PDB file of N, CA and C in Angstrom:
ATOM      1  N   MET A   1    -217.713  16.361   0.660  1.00  0.00           N
ATOM      2  CA  MET A   1    -216.917  17.606   0.042  1.00  0.00           C
ATOM      3  C   MET A   1    -216.036  17.921   1.309  1.00  0.00           C
ATOM      4  N   LEU A   2    -217.123  18.427   2.376  1.00  0.00           N
ATOM      5  CA  LEU A   2    -216.701  18.863   3.650  1.00  0.00           C
ATOM      6  C   LEU A   2    -215.441  17.777   4.299  1.00  0.00           C
ATOM      7  N   PHE A   3    -215.742  16.734   4.233  1.00  0.00           N
ATOM      8  CA  PHE A   3    -214.430  15.692   4.583  1.00  0.00           C
ATOM      9  C   PHE A   3    -213.271  15.991   3.897  1.00  0.00           C
ATOM     10  N   LEU A   4    -213.186  16.244   2.819  1.00  0.00           N
ATOM     11  CA  LEU A   4    -211.981  16.229   2.079  1.00  0.00           C
ATOM     12  C   LEU A   4    -211.452  17.849   2.292  1.00  0.00           C
ATOM     13  N   ILE A   5    -212.158  18.736   2.639  1.00  0.00           N
ATOM     14  CA  ILE A   5    -211.610  20.131   3.199  1.00  0.00           C
ATOM     15  C   ILE A   5    -210.967  19.684   4.543  1.00  0.00           C
ATOM     16  N   ILE A   6    -211.685  19.328   5.266  1.00  0.00           N
ATOM     17  CA  ILE A   6    -211.236  19.088   6.769  1.00  0.00           C
ATOM     18  C   ILE A   6    -209.775  18.212   6.797  1.00  0.00           C
ATOM     19  N   VAL A   7    -209.597  17.198   5.714  1.00  0.00           N
ATOM     20  CA  VAL A   7    -208.660  16.425   5.715  1.00  0.00           C
ATOM     21  C   VAL A   7    -207.324  17.449   4.978  1.00  0.00           C
ATOM     22  N   LEU A   8    -207.758  18.118   4.156  1.00  0.00           N
ATOM     23  CA  LEU A   8    -206.762  19.082   3.395  1.00  0.00           C
ATOM     24  C   LEU A   8    -206.154  20.211   4.356  1.00  0.00           C
ATOM     25  N   VAL A   9    -207.113  20.610   5.207  1.00  0.00           N
ATOM     26  CA  VAL A   9    -206.763  21.484   6.250  1.00  0.00           C
ATOM     27  C   VAL A   9    -205.817  20.919   7.449  1.00  0.00           C
ATOM     28  N   GLY A  10    -206.352  19.736   7.805  1.00  0.00           N
ATOM     29  CA  GLY A  10    -205.362  19.127   8.734  1.00  0.00           C
ATOM     30  C   GLY A  10    -204.220  18.826   8.196  1.00  0.00           C
ATOM     31  N   SER A  11    -204.113  18.403   7.164  1.00  0.00           N
ATOM     32  CA  SER A  11    -202.847  17.994   6.546  1.00  0.00           C
ATOM     33  C   SER A  11    -201.939  19.043   6.466  1.00  0.00           C
ATOM     34  N   VAL A  12    -202.197  20.178   5.956  1.00  0.00           N
ATOM     35  CA  VAL A  12    -201.483  21.576   5.887  1.00  0.00           C
ATOM     36  C   VAL A  12    -201.159  21.942   7.285  1.00  0.00           C
ATOM     37  N   THR A  13    -201.904  21.622   8.138  1.00  0.00           N
ATOM     38  CA  THR A  13    -201.689  22.276   9.778  1.00  0.00           C
ATOM     39  C   THR A  13    -200.532  21.341  10.015  1.00  0.00           C
ATOM     40  N   VAL A  14    -200.717  20.083   9.952  1.00  0.00           N
ATOM     41  CA  VAL A  14    -199.642  19.092  10.524  1.00  0.00           C
ATOM     42  C   VAL A  14    -198.321  19.404   9.685  1.00  0.00           C
ATOM     43  N   TYR A  15    -198.129  19.536   8.640  1.00  0.00           N
ATOM     44  CA  TYR A  15    -197.033  19.830   7.705  1.00  0.00           C
ATOM     45  C   TYR A  15    -196.517  21.013   8.247  1.00  0.00           C
ATOM     46  N   ILE A  16    -197.098  22.121   8.631  1.00  0.00           N
ATOM     47  CA  ILE A  16    -196.628  23.452   8.954  1.00  0.00           C
ATOM     48  C   ILE A  16    -196.083  23.248  10.292  1.00  0.00           C
ATOM     49  N   TYR A  17    -196.686  22.289  11.320  1.00  0.00           N
ATOM     50  CA  TYR A  17    -195.772  21.991  12.368  1.00  0.00           C
ATOM     51  C   TYR A  17    -194.753  21.359  12.470  1.00  0.00           C
ATOM     52  N   TYR A  18    -194.849  20.066  11.554  1.00  0.00           N
ATOM     53  CA  TYR A  18    -193.358  19.454  11.195  1.00  0.00           C
ATOM     54  C   TYR A  18    -192.189  20.477  10.798  1.00  0.00           C
ATOM     55  N   LEU A  19    -192.464  21.455   9.792  1.00  0.00           N
ATOM     56  CA  LEU A  19    -191.569  22.254   9.512  1.00  0.00           C
ATOM     57  C   LEU A  19    -191.057  23.267  10.629  1.00  0.00           C
ATOM     58  N   LYS A  20    -191.988  23.636  11.430  1.00  0.00           N
ATOM     59  CA  LYS A  20    -191.539  24.367  12.619  1.00  0.00           C
ATOM     60  C   LYS A  20    -190.706  23.511  13.432  1.00  0.00           C
ATOM     61  N   GLU A  21    -190.895  22.200  13.898  1.00  0.00           N
ATOM     62  CA  GLU A  21    -190.266  21.489  14.870  1.00  0.00           C
ATOM     63  C   GLU A  21    -188.881  21.321  14.064  1.00  0.00           C
ATOM     64  N   LYS A  22    -188.787  21.219  12.758  1.00  0.00           N
ATOM     65  CA  LYS A  22    -187.468  20.883  11.959  1.00  0.00           C
ATOM     66  C   LYS A  22    -186.578  22.162  12.392  1.00  0.00           C
ATOM     67  N   LYS A  23    -187.137  23.347  11.779  1.00  0.00           N
ATOM     68  CA  LYS A  23    -186.417  24.542  12.006  1.00  0.00           C
ATOM     69  C   LYS A  23    -185.914  24.749  13.437  1.00  0.00           C
ATOM     70  N   GLU A  24    -186.736  24.478  14.537  1.00  0.00           N
ATOM     71  CA  GLU A  24    -186.083  24.338  15.722  1.00  0.00           C
ATOM     72  C   GLU A  24    -184.912  23.397  15.929  1.00  0.00           C
ATOM     73  N   GLN A  25    -184.964  22.378  15.648  1.00  0.00           N
ATOM     74  CA  GLN A  25    -183.850  21.507  15.810  1.00  0.00           C
ATOM     75  C   GLN A  25    -182.684  21.965  15.158  1.00  0.00           C
ATOM     76  N   LEU A  26    -182.975  22.344  14.098  1.00  0.00           N
ATOM     77  CA  LEU A  26    -181.893  22.745  13.190  1.00  0.00           C
ATOM     78  C   LEU A  26    -181.394  24.144  13.754  1.00  0.00           C
ATOM     79  N   ASP A  27    -181.988  25.045  14.460  1.00  0.00           N
ATOM     80  CA  ASP A  27    -181.337  26.230  15.220  1.00  0.00           C
ATOM     81  C   ASP A  27    -180.731  25.911  16.437  1.00  0.00           C
ATOM     82  N   ALA A  28    -181.245  24.834  17.048  1.00  0.00           N
ATOM     83  CA  ALA A  28    -180.188  24.241  18.088  1.00  0.00           C
ATOM     84  C   ALA A  28    -178.860  23.569  17.583  1.00  0.00           C
ATOM     85  N   ILE A  29    -179.206  22.935  16.637  1.00  0.00           N
ATOM     86  CA  ILE A  29    -177.790  22.302  16.118  1.00  0.00           C
ATOM     87  C   ILE A  29    -176.959  23.386  15.645  1.00  0.00           C
ATOM     88  N   LYS A  30    -177.193  24.416  14.962  1.00  0.00           N
ATOM     89  CA  LYS A  30    -176.461  25.665  14.623  1.00  0.00           C
ATOM     90  C   LYS A  30    -175.705  26.237  15.970  1.00  0.00           C
ATOM     91  N   ARG A  31    -176.400  26.148  16.982  1.00  0.00           N
ATOM     92  CA  ARG A  31    -175.947  26.753  18.332  1.00  0.00           C
ATOM     93  C   ARG A  31    -174.695  25.726  18.774  1.00  0.00           C
ATOM     94  N   GLY A  32    -174.857  24.439  18.397  1.00  0.00           N
ATOM     95  CA  GLY A  32    -173.789  23.585  18.797  1.00  0.00           C
ATOM     96  C   GLY A  32    -174.593  22.686  19.739  1.00  0.00           C
ATOM     97  N   PHE A  33    -175.752  22.498  20.129  1.00  0.00           N
ATOM     98  CA  PHE A  33    -176.313  21.557  21.196  1.00  0.00           C
ATOM     99  C   PHE A  33    -177.296  20.665  20.113  1.00  0.00           C
ATOM    100  N   CYS A  34    -177.344  19.312  20.947  1.00  0.00           N
ATOM    101  CA  CYS A  34    -178.339  18.421  20.519  1.00  0.00           C
ATOM    102  C   CYS A  34    -179.751  18.646  20.838  1.00  0.00           C
ATOM    103  N   PRO A  35    -180.943  18.686  19.924  1.00  0.00           N
ATOM    104  CA  PRO A  35    -182.018  19.229  20.264  1.00  0.00           C
ATOM    105  C   PRO A  35    -182.884  18.113  21.232  1.00  0.00           C
ATOM    106  N   ARG A  36    -182.073  17.012  21.605  1.00  0.00           N
ATOM    107  CA  ARG A  36    -182.897  16.075  22.427  1.00  0.00           C
ATOM    108  C   ARG A  36    -182.337  16.080  23.703  1.00  0.00           C
ATOM    109  N   CYS A  37    -181.134  16.215  23.870  1.00  0.00           N
ATOM    110  CA  CYS A  37    -180.328  15.930  25.352  1.00  0.00           C
ATOM    111  C   CYS A  37    -179.789  17.473  25.653  1.00  0.00           C
ATOM    112  N   ARG A  38    -179.976  18.244  24.619  1.00  0.00           N
ATOM    113  CA  ARG A  38    -179.076  19.468  25.018  1.00  0.00           C
ATOM    114  C   ARG A  38    -177.687  19.684  25.480  1.00  0.00           C
ATOM    115  N   LYS A  39    -176.950  18.799  25.070  1.00  0.00           N
ATOM    116  CA  LYS A  39    -175.440  18.921  25.633  1.00  0.00           C
ATOM    117  C   LYS A  39    -174.861  19.182  24.231  1.00  0.00           C
ATOM    118  N   LYS A  40    -173.599  19.291  24.116  1.00  0.00           N
ATOM    119  CA  LYS A  40    -172.786  19.998  23.182  1.00  0.00           C
ATOM    120  C   LYS A  40    -171.908  18.677  22.595  1.00  0.00           C
ATOM    121  N   SER A  41    -172.925  17.424  22.059  1.00  0.00           N
ATOM    122  CA  SER A  41    -172.285  16.678  21.493  1.00  0.00           C
ATOM    123  C   SER A  41    -172.769  16.165  20.225  1.00  0.00           C
ATOM    124  N   ILE A  42    -173.042  16.991  19.695  1.00  0.00           N
ATOM    125  CA  ILE A  42    -173.694  16.934  17.995  1.00  0.00           C
ATOM    126  C   ILE A  42    -172.729  16.933  16.931  1.00  0.00           C
ATOM    127  N   GLU A  43    -172.801  16.270  15.989  1.00  0.00           N
ATOM    128  CA  GLU A  43    -171.668  16.126  15.215  1.00  0.00           C
ATOM    129  C   GLU A  43    -172.147  15.988  13.732  1.00  0.00           C
ATOM    130  N   LEU A  44    -171.733  16.579  12.608  1.00  0.00           N
ATOM    131  CA  LEU A  44    -172.121  16.476  11.379  1.00  0.00           C
ATOM    132  C   LEU A  44    -171.481  15.060  10.965  1.00  0.00           C
ATOM    133  N   ILE A  45    -172.238  14.243  10.442  1.00  0.00           N
ATOM    134  CA  ILE A  45    -171.673  12.999  10.379  1.00  0.00           C
ATOM    135  C   ILE A  45    -171.890  12.759   8.635  1.00  0.00           C
ATOM    136  N   ASP A  46    -172.741  13.483   7.873  1.00  0.00           N
ATOM    137  CA  ASP A  46    -172.556  13.236   6.496  1.00  0.00           C
ATOM    138  C   ASP A  46    -173.057  14.660   5.888  1.00  0.00           C
ATOM    139  N   GLN A  47    -172.549  14.957   4.396  1.00  0.00           N
ATOM    140  CA  GLN A  47    -172.868  16.205   3.894  1.00  0.00           C
ATOM    141  C   GLN A  47    -172.864  15.785   2.295  1.00  0.00           C
ATOM    142  N   ARG A  48    -173.974  16.024   1.789  1.00  0.00           N
ATOM    143  CA  ARG A  48    -174.184  15.608   0.457  1.00  0.00           C
ATOM    144  C   ARG A  48    -174.722  16.836  -0.322  1.00  0.00           C
ATOM    145  N   SER A  49    -174.308  17.112  -1.551  1.00  0.00           N
ATOM    146  CA  SER A  49    -174.730  18.020  -2.484  1.00  0.00           C
ATOM    147  C   SER A  49    -174.855  17.622  -3.926  1.00  0.00           C
ATOM    148  N   GLY A  50    -175.738  18.501  -4.449  1.00  0.00           N
ATOM    149  CA  GLY A  50    -176.008  18.257  -5.890  1.00  0.00           C
ATOM    150  C   GLY A  50    -175.208  18.740  -6.835  1.00  0.00           C
ATOM    151  N   GLY A  51    -174.209  19.704  -6.771  1.00  0.00           N
ATOM    152  CA  GLY A  51    -173.355  20.200  -7.284  1.00  0.00           C
ATOM    153  C   GLY A  51    -173.408  21.640  -7.076  1.00  0.00           C
ATOM    154  N   CYS A  52    -173.432  22.641  -7.933  1.00  0.00           N
ATOM    155  CA  CYS A  52    -173.151  24.109  -7.793  1.00  0.00           C
ATOM    156  C   CYS A  52    -174.543  24.547  -7.204  1.00  0.00           C
ATOM    157  N   SER A  53    -175.736  24.083  -7.796  1.00  0.00           N
ATOM    158  CA  SER A  53    -176.912  24.696  -7.448  1.00  0.00           C
ATOM    159  C   SER A  53    -177.607  23.771  -6.552  1.00  0.00           C
ATOM    160  N   GLY A  54    -178.842  24.207  -5.959  1.00  0.00           N
ATOM    161  CA  GLY A  54    -179.621  23.123  -5.253  1.00  0.00           C
ATOM    162  C   GLY A  54    -179.131  22.849  -3.599  1.00  0.00           C
ATOM    163  N   PRO A  55    -180.204  22.033  -3.112  1.00  0.00           N
ATOM    164  CA  PRO A  55    -179.708  22.220  -1.628  1.00  0.00           C
ATOM    165  C   PRO A  55    -178.787  21.012  -1.284  1.00  0.00           C
ATOM    166  N   LYS A  56    -178.258  21.394   0.004  1.00  0.00           N
ATOM    167  CA  LYS A  56    -176.983  20.262   0.533  1.00  0.00           C
ATOM    168  C   LYS A  56    -178.116  19.308   1.569  1.00  0.00           C
ATOM    169  N   ILE A  57    -177.713  18.293   1.672  1.00  0.00           N
ATOM    170  CA  ILE A  57    -178.022  17.421   2.775  1.00  0.00           C
ATOM    171  C   ILE A  57    -177.260  17.254   3.939  1.00  0.00           C
ATOM    172  N   LEU A  58    -177.525  17.503   4.943  1.00  0.00           N
ATOM    173  CA  LEU A  58    -176.592  17.607   6.244  1.00  0.00           C
ATOM    174  C   LEU A  58    -177.155  16.496   7.275  1.00  0.00           C
ATOM    175  N   SER A  59    -176.531  15.489   7.557  1.00  0.00           N
ATOM    176  CA  SER A  59    -176.812  14.580   8.798  1.00  0.00           C
ATOM    177  C   SER A  59    -176.037  14.714   9.843  1.00  0.00           C
ATOM    178  N   PHE A  60    -176.903  15.066  10.960  1.00  0.00           N
ATOM    179  CA  PHE A  60    -176.191  15.147  12.334  1.00  0.00           C
ATOM    180  C   PHE A  60    -176.661  14.079  13.195  1.00  0.00           C
ATOM    181  N   GLU A  61    -175.633  13.657  14.176  1.00  0.00           N
ATOM    182  CA  GLU A  61    -175.836  12.760  15.045  1.00  0.00           C
ATOM    183  C   GLU A  61    -175.346  13.112  16.505  1.00  0.00           C
ATOM    184  N   CYS A  62    -175.736  12.684  17.518  1.00  0.00           N
ATOM    185  CA  CYS A  62    -175.471  13.052  19.143  1.00  0.00           C
ATOM    186  C   CYS A  62    -174.876  11.685  19.458  1.00  0.00           C
ATOM    187  N   GLY A  63    -173.723  11.926  19.966  1.00  0.00           N
ATOM    188  CA  GLY A  63    -172.933  10.912  20.711  1.00  0.00           C
ATOM    189  C   GLY A  63    -173.337  10.474  21.879  1.00  0.00           C
ATOM    190  N   GLU A  64    -174.046  11.330  22.471  1.00  0.00           N
ATOM    191  CA  GLU A  64    -174.726  11.173  23.804  1.00  0.00           C
ATOM    192  C   GLU A  64    -176.029  10.292  23.971  1.00  0.00           C
ATOM    193  N   CYS A  65    -177.174  10.511  23.115  1.00  0.00           N
ATOM    194  CA  CYS A  65    -178.330  10.192  23.437  1.00  0.00           C
ATOM    195  C   CYS A  65    -178.650   9.478  22.068  1.00  0.00           C
ATOM    196  N   GLY A  66    -177.791   9.456  20.899  1.00  0.00           N
ATOM    197  CA  GLY A  66    -178.211   8.502  19.752  1.00  0.00           C
ATOM    198  C   GLY A  66    -179.121   9.574  18.876  1.00  0.00           C
ATOM    199  N   TYR A  67    -179.362  10.813  19.035  1.00  0.00           N
ATOM    200  CA  TYR A  67    -180.484  11.533  18.103  1.00  0.00           C
ATOM    201  C   TYR A  67    -179.650  11.525  16.678  1.00  0.00           C
ATOM    202  N   HIS A  68    -180.597  11.362  15.620  1.00  0.00           N
ATOM    203  CA  HIS A  68    -179.924  11.298  14.400  1.00  0.00           C
ATOM    204  C   HIS A  68    -180.954  11.878  13.548  1.00  0.00           C
ATOM    205  N   ASN A  69    -180.532  13.167  12.581  1.00  0.00           N
ATOM    206  CA  ASN A  69    -181.670  13.810  11.784  1.00  0.00           C
ATOM    207  C   ASN A  69    -180.823  14.290  10.513  1.00  0.00           C
ATOM    208  N   SER A  70    -181.506  14.634   9.317  1.00  0.00           N
ATOM    209  CA  SER A  70    -180.901  15.025   8.312  1.00  0.00           C
ATOM    210  C   SER A  70    -181.715  16.323   8.017  1.00  0.00           C
ATOM    211  N   PHE A  71    -181.123  17.286   7.282  1.00  0.00           N
ATOM    212  CA  PHE A  71    -181.845  18.468   7.138  1.00  0.00           C
ATOM    213  C   PHE A  71    -181.423  18.650   5.632  1.00  0.00           C
ATOM    214  N   SER A  72    -182.264  19.331   4.889  1.00  0.00           N
ATOM    215  CA  SER A  72    -181.840  20.004   3.513  1.00  0.00           C
ATOM    216  C   SER A  72    -181.969  21.299   3.529  1.00  0.00           C
ATOM    217  N   VAL A  73    -180.696  22.076   3.131  1.00  0.00           N
ATOM    218  CA  VAL A  73    -180.646  23.413   3.249  1.00  0.00           C
ATOM    219  C   VAL A  73    -179.968  23.686   2.073  1.00  0.00           C
ATOM    220  N   GLU A  74    -180.063  25.390   1.948  1.00  0.00           N
ATOM    221  CA  GLU A  74    -179.870  25.932   0.578  1.00  0.00           C
ATOM    222  C   GLU A  74    -178.267  25.853   0.401  1.00  0.00           C
ATOM    223  N   ASN A  75    -177.699  25.851  -0.820  1.00  0.00           N
ATOM    224  CA  ASN A  75    -176.283  25.667  -0.877  1.00  0.00           C
ATOM    225  C   ASN A  75    -175.973  27.479  -1.140  1.00  0.00           C
ATOM    226  N   GLY A  76    -175.262  27.539  -0.247  1.00  0.00           N
ATOM    227  CA  GLY A  76    -174.512  28.951  -0.185  1.00  0.00           C
ATOM    228  C   GLY A  76    -173.803  29.526  -1.496  1.00  0.00           C
ATOM    229  N   GLY A  77    -173.222  28.574  -2.231  1.00  0.00           N
ATOM    230  CA  GLY A  77    -172.291  29.083  -3.223  1.00  0.00           C
ATOM    231  C   GLY A  77    -173.022  29.556  -4.375  1.00  0.00           C
ATOM    232  N   GLY A  78    -173.304  28.455  -5.493  1.00  0.00           N
ATOM    233  CA  GLY A  78    -173.685  28.824  -6.704  1.00  0.00           C
ATOM    234  C   GLY A  78    -172.873  28.968  -7.494  1.00  0.00           C
ATOM    235  N   CYS A  79    -173.041  28.699  -8.709  1.00  0.00           N
ATOM    236  CA  CYS A  79    -172.130  28.525 -10.116  1.00  0.00           C
ATOM    237  C   CYS A  79    -171.684  29.842 -10.489  1.00  0.00           C
ATOM    238  N   GLY A  80    -171.960  30.658 -10.219  1.00  0.00           N
ATOM    239  CA  GLY A  80    -171.359  32.327 -10.343  1.00  0.00           C
ATOM    240  C   GLY A  80    -170.512  32.743  -9.241  1.00  0.00           C
ATOM    241  N   SER A  81    -170.494  32.217  -8.218  1.00  0.00           N
ATOM    242  CA  SER A  81    -169.421  32.902  -7.315  1.00  0.00           C
ATOM    243  C   SER A  81    -168.235  31.855  -7.219  1.00  0.00           C
ATOM    244  N   GLY A  82    -168.010  31.187  -8.165  1.00  0.00           N
ATOM    245  CA  GLY A  82    -166.636  30.517  -8.616  1.00  0.00           C
ATOM    246  C   GLY A  82    -166.347  29.313  -7.327  1.00  0.00           C
ATOM    247  N   SER A  83    -167.350  28.988  -6.723  1.00  0.00           N
ATOM    248  CA  SER A  83    -167.013  27.843  -5.984  1.00  0.00           C
ATOM    249  C   SER A  83    -167.112  26.470  -6.385  1.00  0.00           C
ATOM    250  N   CYS A  84    -167.786  26.326  -7.836  1.00  0.00           N
ATOM    251  CA  CYS A  84    -167.798  25.165  -8.485  1.00  0.00           C
ATOM    252  C   CYS A  84    -166.721  25.053  -9.726  1.00  0.00           C
ATOM    253  N   ARG A  85    -165.781  25.912  -9.911  1.00  0.00           N
ATOM    254  CA  ARG A  85    -164.964  25.812 -10.990  1.00  0.00           C
ATOM    255  C   ARG A  85    -163.785  24.968 -10.826  1.00  0.00           C
TER     256      ARG A  85
END
């Protein structure tokens, strides 16, 4: 039982750390910098959405160092805003 608790706590801790790293990377991209090489060479290469509601999947790539990552962000519009009519 103790082993399962240790594994559960460890898993939650690692997941929280992972989410913190993803947030820091997305914040750097929002400022226009590549999170890896810190140059202004990051580009949005793909954007997918499930429609009016739900998250958007944004994929970014750096032309300098080859960094590539995808992020799931909340869709700002919504069906009531008139953006999907």
